[in-house]
Amino acid sequence: MNKNLILSVLLVMILFFISATTTNAYSFNTRNWPKKPLQPYTVTLQYTTTNSTYKSTFTTAVSDWNSAQSKIKYVLTDNIAPNKVGTENVDDPSLYGTCYALNGSSLYFNAVINIGNPQIVNNSLTRRSAAVHELGHGIGLGHETPPVLSVMNSQRDRTKVYIPQQDDIQGVNMKYPY
């Protein structure tokens, strides 16, 4: 065989492998914090639950995001704050949580986990995964689809994917490049 042909085929295979392993599949929602260059933006969250199990879940989820990236920093408080975290008992037991805008704001949000879902109530990793996922929406990340390994993938195994993954971190870095 021609040496140039073999080299060309190898080069195409290498380029294909590199592009297949570095594809970023993150998506964004409309939330975009007014971050300044080279400074993390602090987002204060108010607990809307007094239940220690669910407060602990959000404390862990905040720690997961804060240790995974340095662009947006969450701070939790029992005092009044513009953003809320807590629980809701939603009629749909298949729903794990939701994150929605408050008062029509494009920034302020309420991130909740659904205590009407038995998996949220009975499994600490599922609770954690749901809280981390909803706080991902708070940062500005959208949903992912399989096969992307991401806490923002709505079809993830919540007992195995419960902290921000590389795709999630890359999404934050892309949304807030400085």
C-alpha atoms as a PDB file:
ATOM      1  CA  MET A   1       0.000   0.000   0.000  1.00  0.00           C
ATOM      2  CA  ASN A   2       1.012   3.537  -0.553  1.00  0.00           C
ATOM      3  CA  LYS A   3       2.725   5.049   2.504  1.00  0.00           C
ATOM      4  CA  ASN A   4       0.842   8.355   2.080  1.00  0.00           C
ATOM      5  CA  LEU A   5      -2.493   6.548   2.033  1.00  0.00           C
ATOM      6  CA  ILE A   6      -1.688   4.699   5.256  1.00  0.00           C
ATOM      7  CA  LEU A   7      -0.601   7.934   6.931  1.00  0.00           C
ATOM      8  CA  SER A   8      -3.723   9.697   5.711  1.00  0.00           C
ATOM      9  CA  VAL A   9      -5.993   6.962   7.087  1.00  0.00           C
ATOM     10  CA  LEU A  10      -4.170   7.018  10.424  1.00  0.00           C
ATOM     11  CA  LEU A  11      -4.447  10.798  10.607  1.00  0.00           C
ATOM     12  CA  VAL A  12      -8.181  10.693   9.909  1.00  0.00           C
ATOM     13  CA  MET A  13      -8.635   8.020  12.586  1.00  0.00           C
ATOM     14  CA  ILE A  14      -6.667  10.035  15.145  1.00  0.00           C
ATOM     15  CA  LEU A  15      -8.622  13.214  14.371  1.00  0.00           C
ATOM     16  CA  PHE A  16     -11.895  11.315  14.641  1.00  0.00           C
ATOM     17  CA  PHE A  17     -10.877   9.837  17.999  1.00  0.00           C
ATOM     18  CA  ILE A  18      -9.815  13.228  19.374  1.00  0.00           C
ATOM     19  CA  SER A  19     -13.013  14.959  18.253  1.00  0.00           C
ATOM     20  CA  ALA A  20     -15.177  12.118  19.582  1.00  0.00           C
ATOM     21  CA  THR A  21     -13.592  12.261  23.026  1.00  0.00           C
ATOM     22  CA  THR A  22     -13.589  16.040  23.421  1.00  0.00           C
ATOM     23  CA  THR A  23     -17.070  16.874  22.173  1.00  0.00           C
ATOM     24  CA  ASN A  24     -18.841  19.210  24.565  1.00  0.00           C
ATOM     25  CA  ALA A  25     -22.558  18.673  24.766  1.00  0.00           C
ATOM     26  CA  TYR A  26     -23.538  21.170  27.443  1.00  0.00           C
ATOM     27  CA  SER A  27     -26.483  23.456  26.903  1.00  0.00           C
ATOM     28  CA  PHE A  28     -27.582  26.668  28.581  1.00  0.00           C
ATOM     29  CA  ASN A  29     -30.737  28.280  29.852  1.00  0.00           C
ATOM     30  CA  THR A  30     -31.403  32.026  29.836  1.00  0.00           C
ATOM     31  CA  ARG A  31     -29.951  32.709  33.305  1.00  0.00           C
ATOM     32  CA  ASN A  32     -26.678  34.584  33.020  1.00  0.00           C
ATOM     33  CA  TRP A  33     -25.157  36.041  36.181  1.00  0.00           C
ATOM     34  CA  PRO A  34     -23.434  39.448  35.775  1.00  0.00           C
ATOM     35  CA  LYS A  35     -19.997  38.076  36.585  1.00  0.00           C
ATOM     36  CA  LYS A  36     -16.948  40.372  36.525  1.00  0.00           C
ATOM     37  CA  PRO A  37     -13.660  39.210  34.998  1.00  0.00           C
ATOM     38  CA  LEU A  38     -11.391  37.207  37.298  1.00  0.00           C
ATOM     39  CA  GLN A  39     -13.862  37.311  40.206  1.00  0.00           C
ATOM     40  CA  PRO A  40     -16.353  34.655  41.243  1.00  0.00           C
ATOM     41  CA  TYR A  41     -19.954  35.822  41.339  1.00  0.00           C
ATOM     42  CA  THR A  42     -21.695  35.074  44.643  1.00  0.00           C
ATOM     43  CA  VAL A  43     -25.288  33.855  44.575  1.00  0.00           C
ATOM     44  CA  THR A  44     -26.991  33.862  47.976  1.00  0.00           C
ATOM     45  CA  LEU A  45     -29.586  31.157  48.575  1.00  0.00           C
ATOM     46  CA  GLN A  46     -32.221  31.142  51.315  1.00  0.00           C
ATOM     47  CA  TYR A  47     -33.395  27.853  52.785  1.00  0.00           C
ATOM     48  CA  THR A  48     -37.185  27.607  52.518  1.00  0.00           C
ATOM     49  CA  THR A  49     -37.310  24.388  54.509  1.00  0.00           C
ATOM     50  CA  THR A  50     -36.636  23.758  58.172  1.00  0.00           C
ATOM     51  CA  ASN A  51     -36.265  20.000  57.663  1.00  0.00           C
ATOM     52  CA  SER A  52     -32.652  19.135  58.546  1.00  0.00           C
ATOM     53  CA  THR A  53     -32.465  16.283  55.990  1.00  0.00           C
ATOM     54  CA  TYR A  54     -33.316  18.569  53.079  1.00  0.00           C
ATOM     55  CA  LYS A  55     -31.238  21.469  54.381  1.00  0.00           C
ATOM     56  CA  SER A  56     -28.290  19.084  54.589  1.00  0.00           C
ATOM     57  CA  THR A  57     -28.974  17.924  51.027  1.00  0.00           C
ATOM     58  CA  PHE A  58     -28.758  21.481  49.685  1.00  0.00           C
ATOM     59  CA  THR A  59     -25.701  22.222  51.854  1.00  0.00           C
ATOM     60  CA  THR A  60     -23.955  19.260  50.231  1.00  0.00           C
ATOM     61  CA  ALA A  61     -25.155  20.259  46.730  1.00  0.00           C
ATOM     62  CA  VAL A  62     -23.810  23.796  47.230  1.00  0.00           C
ATOM     63  CA  SER A  63     -20.481  22.363  48.371  1.00  0.00           C
ATOM     64  CA  ASP A  64     -20.414  20.081  45.316  1.00  0.00           C
ATOM     65  CA  TRP A  65     -20.846  23.029  42.918  1.00  0.00           C
ATOM     66  CA  ASN A  66     -18.488  25.332  44.823  1.00  0.00           C
ATOM     67  CA  SER A  67     -15.705  22.755  44.832  1.00  0.00           C
ATOM     68  CA  ALA A  68     -16.242  21.765  41.179  1.00  0.00           C
ATOM     69  CA  GLN A  69     -15.884  25.251  39.641  1.00  0.00           C
ATOM     70  CA  SER A  70     -14.788  28.762  40.592  1.00  0.00           C
ATOM     71  CA  LYS A  71     -17.002  31.014  38.448  1.00  0.00           C
ATOM     72  CA  ILE A  72     -20.215  31.062  40.511  1.00  0.00           C
ATOM     73  CA  LYS A  73     -20.166  30.622  44.286  1.00  0.00           C
ATOM     74  CA  TYR A  74     -23.294  29.658  46.169  1.00  0.00           C
ATOM     75  CA  VAL A  75     -23.786  30.825  49.773  1.00  0.00           C
ATOM     76  CA  LEU A  76     -26.629  29.443  51.908  1.00  0.00           C
ATOM     77  CA  THR A  77     -28.467  31.361  54.607  1.00  0.00           C
ATOM     78  CA  ASP A  78     -31.547  31.107  56.805  1.00  0.00           C
ATOM     79  CA  ASN A  79     -32.018  34.855  56.308  1.00  0.00           C
ATOM     80  CA  ILE A  80     -33.966  36.534  53.530  1.00  0.00           C
ATOM     81  CA  ALA A  81     -32.199  36.186  50.176  1.00  0.00           C
ATOM     82  CA  PRO A  82     -33.335  36.681  46.566  1.00  0.00           C
ATOM     83  CA  ASN A  83     -32.863  33.016  45.589  1.00  0.00           C
ATOM     84  CA  LYS A  84     -34.554  30.099  47.342  1.00  0.00           C
ATOM     85  CA  VAL A  85     -33.841  26.395  47.869  1.00  0.00           C
ATOM     86  CA  GLY A  86     -36.136  23.885  49.472  1.00  0.00           C
ATOM     87  CA  THR A  87     -38.837  21.327  48.882  1.00  0.00           C
ATOM     88  CA  GLU A  88     -42.236  21.103  47.282  1.00  0.00           C
ATOM     89  CA  ASN A  89     -44.732  18.259  47.269  1.00  0.00           C
ATOM     90  CA  VAL A  90     -45.543  18.125  43.560  1.00  0.00           C
ATOM     91  CA  ASP A  91     -48.481  16.032  42.339  1.00  0.00           C
ATOM     92  CA  ASP A  92     -46.278  14.290  39.752  1.00  0.00           C
ATOM     93  CA  PRO A  93     -44.259  11.642  41.667  1.00  0.00           C
ATOM     94  CA  SER A  94     -41.996  11.097  38.643  1.00  0.00           C
ATOM     95  CA  LEU A  95     -40.660  14.673  38.945  1.00  0.00           C
ATOM     96  CA  TYR A  96     -37.431  14.924  40.970  1.00  0.00           C
ATOM     97  CA  GLY A  97     -37.252  18.699  41.253  1.00  0.00           C
ATOM     98  CA  THR A  98     -37.625  21.999  39.482  1.00  0.00           C
ATOM     99  CA  CYS A  99     -35.942  25.370  39.209  1.00  0.00           C
ATOM    100  CA  TYR A 100     -38.057  28.322  38.204  1.00  0.00           C
ATOM    101  CA  ALA A 101     -37.699  32.084  37.995  1.00  0.00           C
ATOM    102  CA  LEU A 102     -39.047  34.200  40.820  1.00  0.00           C
ATOM    103  CA  ASN A 103     -41.226  37.222  40.107  1.00  0.00           C
ATOM    104  CA  GLY A 104     -40.517  37.077  36.366  1.00  0.00           C
ATOM    105  CA  SER A 105     -36.805  37.652  36.983  1.00  0.00           C
ATOM    106  CA  SER A 106     -34.226  36.307  34.561  1.00  0.00           C
ATOM    107  CA  LEU A 107     -31.827  35.826  37.490  1.00  0.00           C
ATOM    108  CA  TYR A 108     -33.572  35.010  40.753  1.00  0.00           C
ATOM    109  CA  PHE A 109     -34.825  31.480  41.157  1.00  0.00           C
ATOM    110  CA  ASN A 110     -36.386  28.884  43.392  1.00  0.00           C
ATOM    111  CA  ALA A 111     -34.696  25.468  43.242  1.00  0.00           C
ATOM    112  CA  VAL A 112     -36.726  22.701  44.869  1.00  0.00           C
ATOM    113  CA  ILE A 113     -36.661  18.955  45.186  1.00  0.00           C
ATOM    114  CA  ASN A 114     -39.953  17.073  45.041  1.00  0.00           C
ATOM    115  CA  ILE A 115     -40.799  15.365  48.324  1.00  0.00           C
ATOM    116  CA  GLY A 116     -43.791  13.841  46.513  1.00  0.00           C
ATOM    117  CA  ASN A 117     -41.296  11.541  44.762  1.00  0.00           C
ATOM    118  CA  PRO A 118     -40.575   8.445  46.935  1.00  0.00           C
ATOM    119  CA  GLN A 119     -37.047   8.184  45.520  1.00  0.00           C
ATOM    120  CA  ILE A 120     -36.272  11.697  46.826  1.00  0.00           C
ATOM    121  CA  VAL A 121     -37.658  10.805  50.241  1.00  0.00           C
ATOM    122  CA  ASN A 122     -35.974   7.384  50.515  1.00  0.00           C
ATOM    123  CA  ASN A 123     -32.563   7.754  48.834  1.00  0.00           C
ATOM    124  CA  SER A 124     -29.940  10.299  49.913  1.00  0.00           C
ATOM    125  CA  LEU A 125     -27.955  10.042  46.642  1.00  0.00           C
ATOM    126  CA  THR A 126     -31.095  10.648  44.574  1.00  0.00           C
ATOM    127  CA  ARG A 127     -31.887  13.686  46.775  1.00  0.00           C
ATOM    128  CA  ARG A 128     -28.348  14.986  46.334  1.00  0.00           C
ATOM    129  CA  SER A 129     -28.405  14.406  42.577  1.00  0.00           C
ATOM    130  CA  ALA A 130     -31.691  16.290  42.244  1.00  0.00           C
ATOM    131  CA  ALA A 131     -30.454  19.236  44.347  1.00  0.00           C
ATOM    132  CA  VAL A 132     -27.176  19.475  42.394  1.00  0.00           C
ATOM    133  CA  HIS A 133     -29.141  19.283  39.112  1.00  0.00           C
ATOM    134  CA  GLU A 134     -31.525  22.085  40.096  1.00  0.00           C
ATOM    135  CA  LEU A 135     -28.634  24.287  41.270  1.00  0.00           C
ATOM    136  CA  GLY A 136     -27.051  23.640  37.856  1.00  0.00           C
ATOM    137  CA  HIS A 137     -30.101  25.339  36.361  1.00  0.00           C
ATOM    138  CA  GLY A 138     -29.506  28.148  38.854  1.00  0.00           C
ATOM    139  CA  ILE A 139     -25.997  28.609  37.424  1.00  0.00           C
ATOM    140  CA  GLY A 140     -27.471  28.740  33.928  1.00  0.00           C
ATOM    141  CA  LEU A 141     -27.072  25.198  32.600  1.00  0.00           C
ATOM    142  CA  GLY A 142     -29.797  23.488  30.586  1.00  0.00           C
ATOM    143  CA  HIS A 143     -30.698  19.813  30.218  1.00  0.00           C
ATOM    144  CA  GLU A 144     -28.433  17.282  28.554  1.00  0.00           C
ATOM    145  CA  THR A 145     -29.422  14.115  26.752  1.00  0.00           C
ATOM    146  CA  PRO A 146     -27.837  10.664  26.677  1.00  0.00           C
ATOM    147  CA  PRO A 147     -25.158   9.559  26.230  1.00  0.00           C
ATOM    148  CA  VAL A 148     -23.662  12.672  27.875  1.00  0.00           C
ATOM    149  CA  LEU A 149     -22.353  11.959  31.380  1.00  0.00           C
ATOM    150  CA  SER A 150     -23.703  14.995  33.183  1.00  0.00           C
ATOM    151  CA  VAL A 151     -25.622  15.820  36.331  1.00  0.00           C
ATOM    152  CA  MET A 152     -27.742  17.943  33.958  1.00  0.00           C
ATOM    153  CA  ASN A 153     -28.779  14.818  32.015  1.00  0.00           C
ATOM    154  CA  SER A 154     -32.376  14.179  33.074  1.00  0.00           C
ATOM    155  CA  GLN A 155     -32.015  10.468  32.288  1.00  0.00           C
ATOM    156  CA  ARG A 156     -28.884   9.895  34.427  1.00  0.00           C
ATOM    157  CA  ASP A 157     -28.731   7.215  37.098  1.00  0.00           C
ATOM    158  CA  ARG A 158     -29.247   9.496  40.090  1.00  0.00           C
ATOM    159  CA  THR A 159     -27.628   7.012  42.473  1.00  0.00           C
ATOM    160  CA  LYS A 160     -24.386   7.117  40.440  1.00  0.00           C
ATOM    161  CA  VAL A 161     -24.284  10.633  38.956  1.00  0.00           C
ATOM    162  CA  TYR A 162     -24.895  13.047  41.808  1.00  0.00           C
ATOM    163  CA  ILE A 163     -22.049  15.573  41.552  1.00  0.00           C
ATOM    164  CA  PRO A 164     -21.094  17.947  38.714  1.00  0.00           C
ATOM    165  CA  GLN A 165     -19.313  16.035  35.945  1.00  0.00           C
ATOM    166  CA  GLN A 166     -16.661  17.252  33.520  1.00  0.00           C
ATOM    167  CA  ASP A 167     -19.301  18.281  30.975  1.00  0.00           C
ATOM    168  CA  ASP A 168     -21.106  20.351  33.614  1.00  0.00           C
ATOM    169  CA  ILE A 169     -17.878  22.087  34.644  1.00  0.00           C
ATOM    170  CA  GLN A 170     -16.969  22.767  31.011  1.00  0.00           C
ATOM    171  CA  GLY A 171     -20.458  24.208  30.517  1.00  0.00           C
ATOM    172  CA  VAL A 172     -19.955  26.646  33.405  1.00  0.00           C
ATOM    173  CA  ASN A 173     -16.531  27.601  32.048  1.00  0.00           C
ATOM    174  CA  MET A 174     -17.998  28.191  28.584  1.00  0.00           C
ATOM    175  CA  LYS A 175     -20.922  30.245  29.891  1.00  0.00           C
ATOM    176  CA  TYR A 176     -18.601  32.313  32.127  1.00  0.00           C
ATOM    177  CA  PRO A 177     -15.276  32.290  30.223  1.00  0.00           C
ATOM    178  CA  TYR A 178     -13.443  34.764  32.457  1.00  0.00           C
END
